[in-house]
């Protein structure tokens, strides 16, 4: 069963993303609104993970961290401006979890990772233009903080631990983009335990 590490957005930014999810749901693009997921950036996915050791490592990471496309078809997402701090954080997490997890997903490895907060996926080609029109209604950039780090199981989404708060830094989301992936098959179940972490500074473009 796959597992992923997710960085969760603060309440203000998450509310803006959830509103877009619901607007897209009204247009018939329902997956994200009904997925049970929280607005997030996934920083890594592995097919296998030592859960107990991972929970302990997440607690260590949350204490130590300094402030600072895996889709079967087209997706629409908010994209952060990629900063050295964000890349360093993601690479550091992979270094920590490489001994706890196996079979990482290639598109989430350091050097190939495309940071994104998914707004829409699992829609038809005919819905694509309408979806873009909906997400372009939001005022950008969106000021935000990445306030938690966690492990959840999906699909369906299942939160595996309770969040713990740590004061994060401020970042910004500034635009929506479309992503087309060459992945040959969708993973039907994926996983992400939630522990708080200080966030890197970022801006969505």
C-alpha atoms as a PDB file:
ATOM      1  CA  UNK A   1       0.000   0.000   0.000  1.00  0.00           C
ATOM      2  CA  UNK A   2       1.565   3.340  -1.025  1.00  0.00           C
ATOM      3  CA  UNK A   3       2.319   6.112   1.459  1.00  0.00           C
ATOM      4  CA  UNK A   4       2.916   9.829   0.882  1.00  0.00           C
ATOM      5  CA  UNK A   5       4.276  12.726   2.912  1.00  0.00           C
ATOM      6  CA  UNK A   6       2.081  15.816   2.695  1.00  0.00           C
ATOM      7  CA  UNK A   7       2.645  19.421   3.779  1.00  0.00           C
ATOM      8  CA  UNK A   8      -0.697  20.971   4.750  1.00  0.00           C
ATOM      9  CA  UNK A   9      -1.683  24.597   4.047  1.00  0.00           C
ATOM     10  CA  UNK A  10      -2.768  27.011   6.778  1.00  0.00           C
ATOM     11  CA  UNK A  11      -6.480  27.706   7.314  1.00  0.00           C
ATOM     12  CA  UNK A  12      -6.669  30.852   5.152  1.00  0.00           C
ATOM     13  CA  UNK A  13      -5.000  29.310   2.091  1.00  0.00           C
ATOM     14  CA  UNK A  14      -6.766  25.977   2.600  1.00  0.00           C
ATOM     15  CA  UNK A  15     -10.121  27.746   2.606  1.00  0.00           C
ATOM     16  CA  UNK A  16      -9.333  29.364  -0.753  1.00  0.00           C
ATOM     17  CA  UNK A  17      -8.363  25.993  -2.234  1.00  0.00           C
ATOM     18  CA  UNK A  18     -11.452  24.268  -0.808  1.00  0.00           C
ATOM     19  CA  UNK A  19     -13.652  26.973  -2.333  1.00  0.00           C
ATOM     20  CA  UNK A  20     -12.108  26.213  -5.736  1.00  0.00           C
ATOM     21  CA  UNK A  21     -12.693  22.495  -5.156  1.00  0.00           C
ATOM     22  CA  UNK A  22     -16.379  23.180  -4.444  1.00  0.00           C
ATOM     23  CA  UNK A  23     -16.725  25.496  -7.459  1.00  0.00           C
ATOM     24  CA  UNK A  24     -15.249  22.724  -9.602  1.00  0.00           C
ATOM     25  CA  UNK A  25     -17.604  20.214  -7.973  1.00  0.00           C
ATOM     26  CA  UNK A  26     -20.553  22.380  -9.054  1.00  0.00           C
ATOM     27  CA  UNK A  27     -19.188  22.061 -12.603  1.00  0.00           C
ATOM     28  CA  UNK A  28     -19.110  18.260 -12.346  1.00  0.00           C
ATOM     29  CA  UNK A  29     -15.416  17.870 -11.487  1.00  0.00           C
ATOM     30  CA  UNK A  30     -15.919  16.218  -8.140  1.00  0.00           C
ATOM     31  CA  UNK A  31     -12.848  14.233  -7.121  1.00  0.00           C
ATOM     32  CA  UNK A  32     -10.929  16.682  -4.924  1.00  0.00           C
ATOM     33  CA  UNK A  33     -14.022  18.077  -3.177  1.00  0.00           C
ATOM     34  CA  UNK A  34     -15.168  14.567  -2.263  1.00  0.00           C
ATOM     35  CA  UNK A  35     -11.771  12.956  -1.712  1.00  0.00           C
ATOM     36  CA  UNK A  36     -11.491  13.701   2.006  1.00  0.00           C
ATOM     37  CA  UNK A  37      -8.049  15.243   1.399  1.00  0.00           C
ATOM     38  CA  UNK A  38      -6.831  18.499   2.905  1.00  0.00           C
ATOM     39  CA  UNK A  39      -5.190  21.100   0.645  1.00  0.00           C
ATOM     40  CA  UNK A  40      -1.532  20.102   0.586  1.00  0.00           C
ATOM     41  CA  UNK A  41       1.769  19.643  -1.218  1.00  0.00           C
ATOM     42  CA  UNK A  42       2.903  16.018  -1.486  1.00  0.00           C
ATOM     43  CA  UNK A  43       6.683  15.829  -1.067  1.00  0.00           C
ATOM     44  CA  UNK A  44       7.170  12.076  -1.512  1.00  0.00           C
ATOM     45  CA  UNK A  45       5.379   8.783  -2.168  1.00  0.00           C
ATOM     46  CA  UNK A  46       6.603   5.243  -1.438  1.00  0.00           C
ATOM     47  CA  UNK A  47       4.908   1.899  -2.011  1.00  0.00           C
ATOM     48  CA  UNK A  48       6.022   0.581   1.387  1.00  0.00           C
ATOM     49  CA  UNK A  49       6.746   2.342   4.688  1.00  0.00           C
ATOM     50  CA  UNK A  50       7.654   1.352   8.253  1.00  0.00           C
ATOM     51  CA  UNK A  51       4.732   3.139   9.946  1.00  0.00           C
ATOM     52  CA  UNK A  52       6.020   3.116  13.530  1.00  0.00           C
ATOM     53  CA  UNK A  53       9.483   4.319  12.543  1.00  0.00           C
ATOM     54  CA  UNK A  54       7.960   6.915  10.221  1.00  0.00           C
ATOM     55  CA  UNK A  55       5.789   8.361  13.002  1.00  0.00           C
ATOM     56  CA  UNK A  56       8.890   8.750  15.178  1.00  0.00           C
ATOM     57  CA  UNK A  57      10.880  10.338  12.341  1.00  0.00           C
ATOM     58  CA  UNK A  58       8.092  12.833  11.630  1.00  0.00           C
ATOM     59  CA  UNK A  59       8.160  13.960  15.251  1.00  0.00           C
ATOM     60  CA  UNK A  60      11.921  14.470  15.002  1.00  0.00           C
ATOM     61  CA  UNK A  61      11.548  16.367  11.759  1.00  0.00           C
ATOM     62  CA  UNK A  62       8.883  18.663  13.200  1.00  0.00           C
ATOM     63  CA  UNK A  63      11.186  19.470  16.091  1.00  0.00           C
ATOM     64  CA  UNK A  64      14.314  19.933  13.963  1.00  0.00           C
ATOM     65  CA  UNK A  65      13.011  21.685  10.841  1.00  0.00           C
ATOM     66  CA  UNK A  66      14.134  25.256  10.376  1.00  0.00           C
ATOM     67  CA  UNK A  67      11.727  27.862   8.952  1.00  0.00           C
ATOM     68  CA  UNK A  68      12.400  28.113   5.793  1.00  0.00           C
ATOM     69  CA  UNK A  69       2.779  14.855 -11.081  1.00  0.00           C
ATOM     70  CA  UNK A  70       1.495  11.697 -10.238  1.00  0.00           C
ATOM     71  CA  UNK A  71      -1.717  11.771 -12.244  1.00  0.00           C
ATOM     72  CA  UNK A  72      -3.082   9.428 -14.899  1.00  0.00           C
ATOM     73  CA  UNK A  73      -4.368  12.333 -16.982  1.00  0.00           C
ATOM     74  CA  UNK A  74      -4.433  16.137 -17.096  1.00  0.00           C
ATOM     75  CA  UNK A  75      -4.616  17.924 -13.735  1.00  0.00           C
ATOM     76  CA  UNK A  76      -4.989  21.562 -12.678  1.00  0.00           C
ATOM     77  CA  UNK A  77      -3.047  22.783  -9.667  1.00  0.00           C
ATOM     78  CA  UNK A  78      -1.593  25.738  -7.774  1.00  0.00           C
ATOM     79  CA  UNK A  79       2.179  25.787  -8.171  1.00  0.00           C
ATOM     80  CA  UNK A  80       4.653  27.306  -5.726  1.00  0.00           C
ATOM     81  CA  UNK A  81       7.650  29.279  -6.853  1.00  0.00           C
ATOM     82  CA  UNK A  82      10.439  26.763  -6.314  1.00  0.00           C
ATOM     83  CA  UNK A  83      12.908  28.137  -3.783  1.00  0.00           C
ATOM     84  CA  UNK A  84      16.145  26.596  -2.466  1.00  0.00           C
ATOM     85  CA  UNK A  85      14.485  26.291   0.955  1.00  0.00           C
ATOM     86  CA  UNK A  86      11.567  24.274  -0.447  1.00  0.00           C
ATOM     87  CA  UNK A  87      13.867  21.966  -2.413  1.00  0.00           C
ATOM     88  CA  UNK A  88      16.119  21.540   0.623  1.00  0.00           C
ATOM     89  CA  UNK A  89      13.156  20.608   2.803  1.00  0.00           C
ATOM     90  CA  UNK A  90      11.889  18.036   0.293  1.00  0.00           C
ATOM     91  CA  UNK A  91      15.332  16.508  -0.225  1.00  0.00           C
ATOM     92  CA  UNK A  92      15.870  16.369   3.533  1.00  0.00           C
ATOM     93  CA  UNK A  93      12.633  14.453   4.012  1.00  0.00           C
ATOM     94  CA  UNK A  94      13.634  11.930   1.358  1.00  0.00           C
ATOM     95  CA  UNK A  95      17.007  11.474   3.050  1.00  0.00           C
ATOM     96  CA  UNK A  96      15.257  10.795   6.369  1.00  0.00           C
ATOM     97  CA  UNK A  97      12.710   8.374   4.927  1.00  0.00           C
ATOM     98  CA  UNK A  98      14.925   6.445   2.488  1.00  0.00           C
ATOM     99  CA  UNK A  99      15.790   3.958   5.247  1.00  0.00           C
ATOM    100  CA  UNK A 100      12.137   3.638   6.338  1.00  0.00           C
ATOM    101  CA  UNK A 101      10.430   3.254   2.978  1.00  0.00           C
ATOM    102  CA  UNK A 102      10.898   1.377  -0.301  1.00  0.00           C
ATOM    103  CA  UNK A 103       9.798   1.732  -3.926  1.00  0.00           C
ATOM    104  CA  UNK A 104       9.606   5.545  -4.154  1.00  0.00           C
ATOM    105  CA  UNK A 105       7.503   7.055  -6.928  1.00  0.00           C
ATOM    106  CA  UNK A 106       9.904   8.496  -9.494  1.00  0.00           C
ATOM    107  CA  UNK A 107       8.046  11.780 -10.052  1.00  0.00           C
ATOM    108  CA  UNK A 108       8.379  12.636  -6.338  1.00  0.00           C
ATOM    109  CA  UNK A 109      12.124  12.081  -6.065  1.00  0.00           C
ATOM    110  CA  UNK A 110      14.408  15.082  -5.480  1.00  0.00           C
ATOM    111  CA  UNK A 111      15.406  16.491  -8.852  1.00  0.00           C
ATOM    112  CA  UNK A 112      12.186  15.396 -10.601  1.00  0.00           C
ATOM    113  CA  UNK A 113       9.554  16.604  -8.091  1.00  0.00           C
ATOM    114  CA  UNK A 114       7.004  19.143  -9.372  1.00  0.00           C
ATOM    115  CA  UNK A 115       5.558  20.917  -6.300  1.00  0.00           C
ATOM    116  CA  UNK A 116       1.795  21.372  -6.640  1.00  0.00           C
ATOM    117  CA  UNK A 117      -1.484  21.702  -4.754  1.00  0.00           C
ATOM    118  CA  UNK A 118      -4.077  19.827  -6.796  1.00  0.00           C
ATOM    119  CA  UNK A 119      -7.272  21.685  -7.667  1.00  0.00           C
ATOM    120  CA  UNK A 120      -8.784  19.258 -10.170  1.00  0.00           C
ATOM    121  CA  UNK A 121      -8.136  15.787 -11.522  1.00  0.00           C
ATOM    122  CA  UNK A 122     -10.181  12.842 -12.808  1.00  0.00           C
ATOM    123  CA  UNK A 123     -12.060  14.963 -15.331  1.00  0.00           C
ATOM    124  CA  UNK A 124     -12.781  14.588 -19.039  1.00  0.00           C
ATOM    125  CA  UNK A 125     -11.075  16.469 -21.843  1.00  0.00           C
ATOM    126  CA  UNK A 126     -14.368  18.266 -22.480  1.00  0.00           C
ATOM    127  CA  UNK A 127     -14.353  19.617 -18.903  1.00  0.00           C
ATOM    128  CA  UNK A 128     -10.810  20.985 -19.055  1.00  0.00           C
ATOM    129  CA  UNK A 129     -11.532  24.463 -20.470  1.00  0.00           C
ATOM    130  CA  UNK A 130     -14.386  25.041 -18.049  1.00  0.00           C
ATOM    131  CA  UNK A 131     -12.244  23.941 -15.128  1.00  0.00           C
ATOM    132  CA  UNK A 132      -9.536  26.441 -16.070  1.00  0.00           C
ATOM    133  CA  UNK A 133     -12.122  29.221 -16.266  1.00  0.00           C
ATOM    134  CA  UNK A 134     -13.296  28.390 -12.743  1.00  0.00           C
ATOM    135  CA  UNK A 135      -9.855  28.337 -11.120  1.00  0.00           C
ATOM    136  CA  UNK A 136      -8.859  31.593 -12.807  1.00  0.00           C
ATOM    137  CA  UNK A 137     -11.560  33.366 -10.791  1.00  0.00           C
ATOM    138  CA  UNK A 138      -9.484  33.213  -7.622  1.00  0.00           C
ATOM    139  CA  UNK A 139      -7.449  36.274  -6.669  1.00  0.00           C
ATOM    140  CA  UNK A 140      -3.765  35.443  -6.804  1.00  0.00           C
ATOM    141  CA  UNK A 141      -1.337  35.278  -5.114  1.00  0.00           C
ATOM    142  CA  UNK A 142      -2.797  33.484  -2.097  1.00  0.00           C
ATOM    143  CA  UNK A 143      -0.800  34.169   1.069  1.00  0.00           C
ATOM    144  CA  UNK A 144      -0.255  30.893   2.886  1.00  0.00           C
ATOM    145  CA  UNK A 145       1.853  28.864   5.294  1.00  0.00           C
ATOM    146  CA  UNK A 146       2.704  25.165   5.161  1.00  0.00           C
ATOM    147  CA  UNK A 147       1.825  24.351   8.745  1.00  0.00           C
ATOM    148  CA  UNK A 148       1.826  20.554   9.124  1.00  0.00           C
ATOM    149  CA  UNK A 149       3.470  17.475   7.762  1.00  0.00           C
ATOM    150  CA  UNK A 150       1.659  14.153   7.732  1.00  0.00           C
ATOM    151  CA  UNK A 151       1.070  10.660   6.414  1.00  0.00           C
ATOM    152  CA  UNK A 152      -2.362   9.798   4.970  1.00  0.00           C
ATOM    153  CA  UNK A 153      -3.733   6.781   3.172  1.00  0.00           C
ATOM    154  CA  UNK A 154      -5.517   7.288  -0.142  1.00  0.00           C
ATOM    155  CA  UNK A 155      -7.654   6.469  -2.127  1.00  0.00           C
ATOM    156  CA  UNK A 156      -9.924   6.782  -0.214  1.00  0.00           C
ATOM    157  CA  UNK A 157      -8.193   9.367   1.964  1.00  0.00           C
ATOM    158  CA  UNK A 158      -7.678   8.279   5.577  1.00  0.00           C
ATOM    159  CA  UNK A 159      -5.875  10.486   8.122  1.00  0.00           C
ATOM    160  CA  UNK A 160      -3.534   8.308  10.175  1.00  0.00           C
ATOM    161  CA  UNK A 161      -2.539  10.687  13.007  1.00  0.00           C
ATOM    162  CA  UNK A 162      -3.605  13.919  14.697  1.00  0.00           C
ATOM    163  CA  UNK A 163      -1.885  17.217  13.765  1.00  0.00           C
ATOM    164  CA  UNK A 164       0.510  19.033  16.080  1.00  0.00           C
ATOM    165  CA  UNK A 165       1.154  22.750  15.609  1.00  0.00           C
ATOM    166  CA  UNK A 166       4.486  24.474  15.063  1.00  0.00           C
ATOM    167  CA  UNK A 167       4.844  28.140  14.085  1.00  0.00           C
ATOM    168  CA  UNK A 168       5.465  28.265  10.312  1.00  0.00           C
ATOM    169  CA  UNK A 169       6.765  30.864   7.898  1.00  0.00           C
ATOM    170  CA  UNK A 170       4.635  32.668   5.318  1.00  0.00           C
ATOM    171  CA  UNK A 171       4.478  31.707   1.661  1.00  0.00           C
ATOM    172  CA  UNK A 172       2.287  32.623  -1.311  1.00  0.00           C
ATOM    173  CA  UNK A 173       0.331  30.860  -3.997  1.00  0.00           C
ATOM    174  CA  UNK A 174       0.142  32.980  -7.117  1.00  0.00           C
ATOM    175  CA  UNK A 175      -1.337  31.040 -10.066  1.00  0.00           C
ATOM    176  CA  UNK A 176      -2.969  27.937 -11.449  1.00  0.00           C
ATOM    177  CA  UNK A 177      -1.261  25.657 -13.947  1.00  0.00           C
ATOM    178  CA  UNK A 178      -2.099  22.534 -15.870  1.00  0.00           C
ATOM    179  CA  UNK A 179       0.011  19.414 -15.637  1.00  0.00           C
ATOM    180  CA  UNK A 180      -0.008  16.471 -18.019  1.00  0.00           C
ATOM    181  CA  UNK A 181       1.794  13.356 -16.800  1.00  0.00           C
ATOM    182  CA  UNK A 182       3.083  10.412 -18.771  1.00  0.00           C
ATOM    183  CA  UNK A 183       2.320   7.994 -15.932  1.00  0.00           C
ATOM    184  CA  UNK A 184       1.114   4.731 -17.448  1.00  0.00           C
ATOM    185  CA  UNK A 185      -1.263   3.752 -14.652  1.00  0.00           C
ATOM    186  CA  UNK A 186      -2.997   5.393 -11.713  1.00  0.00           C
ATOM    187  CA  UNK A 187      -2.364   4.142  -8.194  1.00  0.00           C
ATOM    188  CA  UNK A 188      -5.737   3.201  -6.703  1.00  0.00           C
ATOM    189  CA  UNK A 189      -4.657   3.413  -3.057  1.00  0.00           C
ATOM    190  CA  UNK A 190      -2.070   5.785  -1.659  1.00  0.00           C
ATOM    191  CA  UNK A 191      -1.066   6.748   1.854  1.00  0.00           C
ATOM    192  CA  UNK A 192      -0.104  10.095   3.849  1.00  0.00           C
ATOM    193  CA  UNK A 193       0.489  10.500   9.630  1.00  0.00           C
ATOM    194  CA  UNK A 194       0.099  14.155  10.389  1.00  0.00           C
ATOM    195  CA  UNK A 195       2.688  16.015  12.425  1.00  0.00           C
ATOM    196  CA  UNK A 196       3.310  19.751  12.368  1.00  0.00           C
ATOM    197  CA  UNK A 197       6.345  21.281  10.691  1.00  0.00           C
ATOM    198  CA  UNK A 198       7.793  24.723  10.099  1.00  0.00           C
ATOM    199  CA  UNK A 199       7.248  25.668   6.491  1.00  0.00           C
ATOM    200  CA  UNK A 200       9.640  26.927   3.840  1.00  0.00           C
ATOM    201  CA  UNK A 201       8.951  30.304   2.315  1.00  0.00           C
ATOM    202  CA  UNK A 202       7.261  29.935  -1.056  1.00  0.00           C
ATOM    203  CA  UNK A 203       5.131  31.697  -3.633  1.00  0.00           C
ATOM    204  CA  UNK A 204       2.672  29.995  -5.981  1.00  0.00           C
ATOM    205  CA  UNK A 205       3.037  30.939  -9.653  1.00  0.00           C
END
